[in-house]
Amino acid sequence: MHRQETIDTTVPLTARVITIEVISRLNFLGSVITREGDSEEEVKRRIVLVKAAMGGLNKIWKDR
């Protein structure tokens, strides 16, 4: 049986002599990972990237 443990994320975690910094978001391999584990910020980021790419394509399509 799997037992789930709760970890207090408001204080830094120390493992042996290394202190691990607690962060609210991480950009990992091009994807945004948040502390809460939701994907809202990642979806918004991708929409902005698509709008920028489509803006560049509109210039090409209008020239034809």
PDB file of N, CA and C in Angstrom:
ATOM      1  N   MET A   1       0.848  -1.174   0.000  1.00  0.00           N
ATOM      2  CA  MET A   1       0.000   0.000   0.000  1.00  0.00           C
ATOM      3  C   MET A   1       0.898   1.243   0.000  1.00  0.00           C
ATOM      4  N   HIS A   2       0.526   2.248  -0.783  1.00  0.00           N
ATOM      5  CA  HIS A   2       1.302   3.480  -0.898  1.00  0.00           C
ATOM      6  C   HIS A   2       0.864   4.482   0.159  1.00  0.00           C
ATOM      7  N   ARG A   3       1.823   4.988   0.915  1.00  0.00           N
ATOM      8  CA  ARG A   3       1.523   5.981   1.941  1.00  0.00           C
ATOM      9  C   ARG A   3       2.007   7.350   1.478  1.00  0.00           C
ATOM     10  N   GLN A   4       1.128   8.334   1.473  1.00  0.00           N
ATOM     11  CA  GLN A   4       1.474   9.680   1.027  1.00  0.00           C
ATOM     12  C   GLN A   4       1.854  10.520   2.234  1.00  0.00           C
ATOM     13  N   GLU A   5       2.984  11.216   2.134  1.00  0.00           N
ATOM     14  CA  GLU A   5       3.438  12.077   3.218  1.00  0.00           C
ATOM     15  C   GLU A   5       3.298  13.532   2.803  1.00  0.00           C
ATOM     16  N   THR A   6       2.995  14.380   3.759  1.00  0.00           N
ATOM     17  CA  THR A   6       2.891  15.816   3.514  1.00  0.00           C
ATOM     18  C   THR A   6       4.188  16.474   3.948  1.00  0.00           C
ATOM     19  N   ILE A   7       4.716  17.341   3.087  1.00  0.00           N
ATOM     20  CA  ILE A   7       5.961  18.049   3.385  1.00  0.00           C
ATOM     21  C   ILE A   7       5.656  19.533   3.477  1.00  0.00           C
ATOM     22  N   ASP A   8       6.136  20.180   4.533  1.00  0.00           N
ATOM     23  CA  ASP A   8       5.961  21.629   4.696  1.00  0.00           C
ATOM     24  C   ASP A   8       6.891  22.326   3.710  1.00  0.00           C
ATOM     25  N   THR A   9       6.336  23.017   2.719  1.00  0.00           N
ATOM     26  CA  THR A   9       7.146  23.661   1.685  1.00  0.00           C
ATOM     27  C   THR A   9       7.426  25.123   1.988  1.00  0.00           C
ATOM     28  N   THR A  10       7.182  25.553   3.210  1.00  0.00           N
ATOM     29  CA  THR A  10       7.443  26.949   3.557  1.00  0.00           C
ATOM     30  C   THR A  10       8.837  27.135   4.155  1.00  0.00           C
ATOM     31  N   VAL A  11       9.510  26.059   4.505  1.00  0.00           N
ATOM     32  CA  VAL A  11      10.859  26.146   5.066  1.00  0.00           C
ATOM     33  C   VAL A  11      11.819  25.401   4.158  1.00  0.00           C
ATOM     34  N   PRO A  12      13.089  25.854   4.098  1.00  0.00           N
ATOM     35  CA  PRO A  12      14.066  25.144   3.266  1.00  0.00           C
ATOM     36  C   PRO A  12      14.284  23.717   3.780  1.00  0.00           C
ATOM     37  N   LEU A  13      14.546  22.814   2.865  1.00  0.00           N
ATOM     38  CA  LEU A  13      14.795  21.419   3.188  1.00  0.00           C
ATOM     39  C   LEU A  13      16.296  21.197   3.238  1.00  0.00           C
ATOM     40  N   THR A  14      16.793  20.561   4.288  1.00  0.00           N
ATOM     41  CA  THR A  14      18.219  20.276   4.397  1.00  0.00           C
ATOM     42  C   THR A  14      18.426  18.774   4.332  1.00  0.00           C
ATOM     43  N   ALA A  15      19.239  18.344   3.383  1.00  0.00           N
ATOM     44  CA  ALA A  15      19.584  16.930   3.238  1.00  0.00           C
ATOM     45  C   ALA A  15      21.085  16.810   3.463  1.00  0.00           C
ATOM     46  N   ARG A  16      21.460  16.147   4.550  1.00  0.00           N
ATOM     47  CA  ARG A  16      22.852  16.044   4.997  1.00  0.00           C
ATOM     48  C   ARG A  16      23.377  17.453   5.239  1.00  0.00           C
ATOM     49  N   VAL A  17      24.254  17.959   4.383  1.00  0.00           N
ATOM     50  CA  VAL A  17      24.785  19.313   4.582  1.00  0.00           C
ATOM     51  C   VAL A  17      24.354  20.256   3.463  1.00  0.00           C
ATOM     52  N   ILE A  18      23.486  19.811   2.586  1.00  0.00           N
ATOM     53  CA  ILE A  18      23.035  20.615   1.449  1.00  0.00           C
ATOM     54  C   ILE A  18      21.639  21.146   1.742  1.00  0.00           C
ATOM     55  N   THR A  19      21.462  22.480   1.640  1.00  0.00           N
ATOM     56  CA  THR A  19      20.148  23.085   1.793  1.00  0.00           C
ATOM     57  C   THR A  19      19.512  23.207   0.420  1.00  0.00           C
ATOM     58  N   ILE A  20      18.307  22.675   0.279  1.00  0.00           N
ATOM     59  CA  ILE A  20      17.581  22.704  -0.986  1.00  0.00           C
ATOM     60  C   ILE A  20      16.607  23.867  -0.949  1.00  0.00           C
ATOM     61  N   GLU A  21      16.737  24.765  -1.917  1.00  0.00           N
ATOM     62  CA  GLU A  21      15.887  25.951  -1.984  1.00  0.00           C
ATOM     63  C   GLU A  21      14.476  25.582  -2.427  1.00  0.00           C
ATOM     64  N   VAL A  22      13.482  26.135  -1.768  1.00  0.00           N
ATOM     65  CA  VAL A  22      12.086  25.932  -2.139  1.00  0.00           C
ATOM     66  C   VAL A  22      11.706  27.041  -3.115  1.00  0.00           C
ATOM     67  N   ILE A  23      11.202  26.667  -4.289  1.00  0.00           N
ATOM     68  CA  ILE A  23      10.838  27.644  -5.313  1.00  0.00           C
ATOM     69  C   ILE A  23       9.366  27.474  -5.681  1.00  0.00           C
ATOM     70  N   SER A  24       8.785  28.515  -6.280  1.00  0.00           N
ATOM     71  CA  SER A  24       7.372  28.448  -6.646  1.00  0.00           C
ATOM     72  C   SER A  24       7.166  27.987  -8.087  1.00  0.00           C
ATOM     73  N   ARG A  25       8.195  28.161  -8.950  1.00  0.00           N
ATOM     74  CA  ARG A  25       8.075  27.712 -10.340  1.00  0.00           C
ATOM     75  C   ARG A  25       9.447  27.344 -10.878  1.00  0.00           C
ATOM     76  N   LEU A  26       9.448  26.446 -11.868  1.00  0.00           N
ATOM     77  CA  LEU A  26      10.683  25.965 -12.463  1.00  0.00           C
ATOM     78  C   LEU A  26      10.470  25.787 -13.954  1.00  0.00           C
ATOM     79  N   ASN A  27      11.406  26.267 -14.747  1.00  0.00           N
ATOM     80  CA  ASN A  27      11.377  26.028 -16.180  1.00  0.00           C
ATOM     81  C   ASN A  27      12.287  24.839 -16.428  1.00  0.00           C
ATOM     82  N   PHE A  28      11.689  23.677 -16.743  1.00  0.00           N
ATOM     83  CA  PHE A  28      12.434  22.435 -16.899  1.00  0.00           C
ATOM     84  C   PHE A  28      12.185  21.857 -18.279  1.00  0.00           C
ATOM     85  N   LEU A  29      13.242  21.732 -19.069  1.00  0.00           N
ATOM     86  CA  LEU A  29      13.161  21.209 -20.432  1.00  0.00           C
ATOM     87  C   LEU A  29      12.095  21.917 -21.261  1.00  0.00           C
ATOM     88  N   GLY A  30      11.984  23.229 -21.087  1.00  0.00           N
ATOM     89  CA  GLY A  30      11.060  24.027 -21.878  1.00  0.00           C
ATOM     90  C   GLY A  30       9.649  24.085 -21.350  1.00  0.00           C
ATOM     91  N   SER A  31       9.369  23.424 -20.245  1.00  0.00           N
ATOM     92  CA  SER A  31       8.030  23.442 -19.657  1.00  0.00           C
ATOM     93  C   SER A  31       8.079  24.074 -18.274  1.00  0.00           C
ATOM     94  N   VAL A  32       7.020  24.802 -17.929  1.00  0.00           N
ATOM     95  CA  VAL A  32       6.944  25.449 -16.619  1.00  0.00           C
ATOM     96  C   VAL A  32       6.278  24.481 -15.645  1.00  0.00           C
ATOM     97  N   ILE A  33       6.940  24.237 -14.527  1.00  0.00           N
ATOM     98  CA  ILE A  33       6.399  23.393 -13.471  1.00  0.00           C
ATOM     99  C   ILE A  33       6.202  24.284 -12.253  1.00  0.00           C
ATOM    100  N   THR A  34       4.982  24.304 -11.705  1.00  0.00           N
ATOM    101  CA  THR A  34       4.699  25.132 -10.537  1.00  0.00           C
ATOM    102  C   THR A  34       4.625  24.273  -9.284  1.00  0.00           C
ATOM    103  N   ARG A  35       4.730  24.926  -8.141  1.00  0.00           N
ATOM    104  CA  ARG A  35       4.668  24.232  -6.857  1.00  0.00           C
ATOM    105  C   ARG A  35       3.344  23.480  -6.705  1.00  0.00           C
ATOM    106  N   GLU A  36       2.255  24.069  -7.203  1.00  0.00           N
ATOM    107  CA  GLU A  36       0.936  23.464  -7.075  1.00  0.00           C
ATOM    108  C   GLU A  36       0.726  22.322  -8.054  1.00  0.00           C
ATOM    109  N   GLY A  37       1.540  22.256  -9.103  1.00  0.00           N
ATOM    110  CA  GLY A  37       1.413  21.191 -10.088  1.00  0.00           C
ATOM    111  C   GLY A  37       0.369  21.440 -11.158  1.00  0.00           C
ATOM    112  N   ASP A  38      -0.176  22.668 -11.215  1.00  0.00           N
ATOM    113  CA  ASP A  38      -1.176  22.945 -12.250  1.00  0.00           C
ATOM    114  C   ASP A  38      -0.477  23.366 -13.548  1.00  0.00           C
ATOM    115  N   SER A  39      -1.230  23.422 -14.632  1.00  0.00           N
ATOM    116  CA  SER A  39      -0.642  23.726 -15.933  1.00  0.00           C
ATOM    117  C   SER A  39      -1.099  25.062 -16.497  1.00  0.00           C
ATOM    118  N   GLU A  40      -1.802  25.866 -15.715  1.00  0.00           N
ATOM    119  CA  GLU A  40      -2.342  27.133 -16.218  1.00  0.00           C
ATOM    120  C   GLU A  40      -1.240  28.051 -16.737  1.00  0.00           C
ATOM    121  N   GLU A  41      -0.171  28.205 -15.991  1.00  0.00           N
ATOM    122  CA  GLU A  41       0.920  29.080 -16.412  1.00  0.00           C
ATOM    123  C   GLU A  41       1.583  28.559 -17.685  1.00  0.00           C
ATOM    124  N   GLU A  42       1.729  27.254 -17.808  1.00  0.00           N
ATOM    125  CA  GLU A  42       2.320  26.642 -19.000  1.00  0.00           C
ATOM    126  C   GLU A  42       1.443  26.873 -20.226  1.00  0.00           C
ATOM    127  N   VAL A  43       0.144  26.741 -20.093  1.00  0.00           N
ATOM    128  CA  VAL A  43      -0.780  26.963 -21.214  1.00  0.00           C
ATOM    129  C   VAL A  43      -0.709  28.415 -21.664  1.00  0.00           C
ATOM    130  N   LYS A  44      -0.708  29.352 -20.725  1.00  0.00           N
ATOM    131  CA  LYS A  44      -0.614  30.779 -21.076  1.00  0.00           C
ATOM    132  C   LYS A  44       0.692  31.075 -21.800  1.00  0.00           C
ATOM    133  N   ARG A  45       1.802  30.485 -21.331  1.00  0.00           N
ATOM    134  CA  ARG A  45       3.114  30.700 -21.948  1.00  0.00           C
ATOM    135  C   ARG A  45       3.114  30.189 -23.387  1.00  0.00           C
ATOM    136  N   ARG A  46       2.517  29.035 -23.603  1.00  0.00           N
ATOM    137  CA  ARG A  46       2.480  28.462 -24.951  1.00  0.00           C
ATOM    138  C   ARG A  46       1.596  29.268 -25.891  1.00  0.00           C
ATOM    139  N   ILE A  47       0.505  29.831 -25.381  1.00  0.00           N
ATOM    140  CA  ILE A  47      -0.374  30.675 -26.204  1.00  0.00           C
ATOM    141  C   ILE A  47       0.384  31.908 -26.681  1.00  0.00           C
ATOM    142  N   VAL A  48       1.170  32.514 -25.792  1.00  0.00           N
ATOM    143  CA  VAL A  48       1.978  33.682 -26.166  1.00  0.00           C
ATOM    144  C   VAL A  48       2.975  33.302 -27.261  1.00  0.00           C
ATOM    145  N   LEU A  49       3.621  32.149 -27.133  1.00  0.00           N
ATOM    146  CA  LEU A  49       4.579  31.705 -28.148  1.00  0.00           C
ATOM    147  C   LEU A  49       3.905  31.470 -29.494  1.00  0.00           C
ATOM    148  N   VAL A  50       2.720  30.871 -29.489  1.00  0.00           N
ATOM    149  CA  VAL A  50       1.992  30.614 -30.733  1.00  0.00           C
ATOM    150  C   VAL A  50       1.563  31.922 -31.377  1.00  0.00           C
ATOM    151  N   LYS A  51       1.083  32.882 -30.593  1.00  0.00           N
ATOM    152  CA  LYS A  51       0.675  34.179 -31.152  1.00  0.00           C
ATOM    153  C   LYS A  51       1.851  34.873 -31.819  1.00  0.00           C
ATOM    154  N   ALA A  52       3.032  34.801 -31.203  1.00  0.00           N
ATOM    155  CA  ALA A  52       4.219  35.421 -31.792  1.00  0.00           C
ATOM    156  C   ALA A  52       4.581  34.734 -33.110  1.00  0.00           C
ATOM    157  N   ALA A  53       4.521  33.409 -33.138  1.00  0.00           N
ATOM    158  CA  ALA A  53       4.841  32.672 -34.365  1.00  0.00           C
ATOM    159  C   ALA A  53       3.826  32.970 -35.459  1.00  0.00           C
ATOM    160  N   MET A  54       2.547  33.023 -35.110  1.00  0.00           N
ATOM    161  CA  MET A  54       1.512  33.303 -36.107  1.00  0.00           C
ATOM    162  C   MET A  54       1.634  34.725 -36.643  1.00  0.00           C
ATOM    163  N   GLY A  55       2.056  35.655 -35.797  1.00  0.00           N
ATOM    164  CA  GLY A  55       2.272  37.027 -36.254  1.00  0.00           C
ATOM    165  C   GLY A  55       3.327  37.080 -37.347  1.00  0.00           C
ATOM    166  N   GLY A  56       4.378  36.308 -37.194  1.00  0.00           N
ATOM    167  CA  GLY A  56       5.417  36.234 -38.217  1.00  0.00           C
ATOM    168  C   GLY A  56       4.908  35.598 -39.501  1.00  0.00           C
ATOM    169  N   LEU A  57       4.051  34.598 -39.390  1.00  0.00           N
ATOM    170  CA  LEU A  57       3.497  33.945 -40.582  1.00  0.00           C
ATOM    171  C   LEU A  57       2.519  34.845 -41.316  1.00  0.00           C
ATOM    172  N   ASN A  58       1.793  35.681 -40.590  1.00  0.00           N
ATOM    173  CA  ASN A  58       0.843  36.595 -41.241  1.00  0.00           C
ATOM    174  C   ASN A  58       1.556  37.516 -42.218  1.00  0.00           C
ATOM    175  N   LYS A  59       2.753  37.949 -41.893  1.00  0.00           N
ATOM    176  CA  LYS A  59       3.521  38.814 -42.804  1.00  0.00           C
ATOM    177  C   LYS A  59       3.828  38.061 -44.111  1.00  0.00           C
ATOM    178  N   ILE A  60       4.163  36.795 -43.999  1.00  0.00           N
ATOM    179  CA  ILE A  60       4.473  35.990 -45.176  1.00  0.00           C
ATOM    180  C   ILE A  60       3.212  35.774 -46.013  1.00  0.00           C
ATOM    181  N   TRP A  61       2.097  35.424 -45.371  1.00  0.00           N
ATOM    182  CA  TRP A  61       0.861  35.134 -46.074  1.00  0.00           C
ATOM    183  C   TRP A  61       0.313  36.378 -46.778  1.00  0.00           C
ATOM    184  N   LYS A  62       0.478  37.544 -46.215  1.00  0.00           N
ATOM    185  CA  LYS A  62      -0.041  38.781 -46.823  1.00  0.00           C
ATOM    186  C   LYS A  62       0.764  39.187 -48.044  1.00  0.00           C
ATOM    187  N   ASP A  63       2.043  38.798 -48.106  1.00  0.00           N
ATOM    188  CA  ASP A  63       2.881  39.147 -49.233  1.00  0.00           C
ATOM    189  C   ASP A  63       2.562  38.340 -50.490  1.00  0.00           C
ATOM    190  N   ARG A  64       1.894  37.234 -50.342  1.00  0.00           N
ATOM    191  CA  ARG A  64       1.621  36.376 -51.488  1.00  0.00           C
ATOM    192  C   ARG A  64       0.485  36.878 -52.295  1.00  0.00           C
TER     193      ARG A  64
END
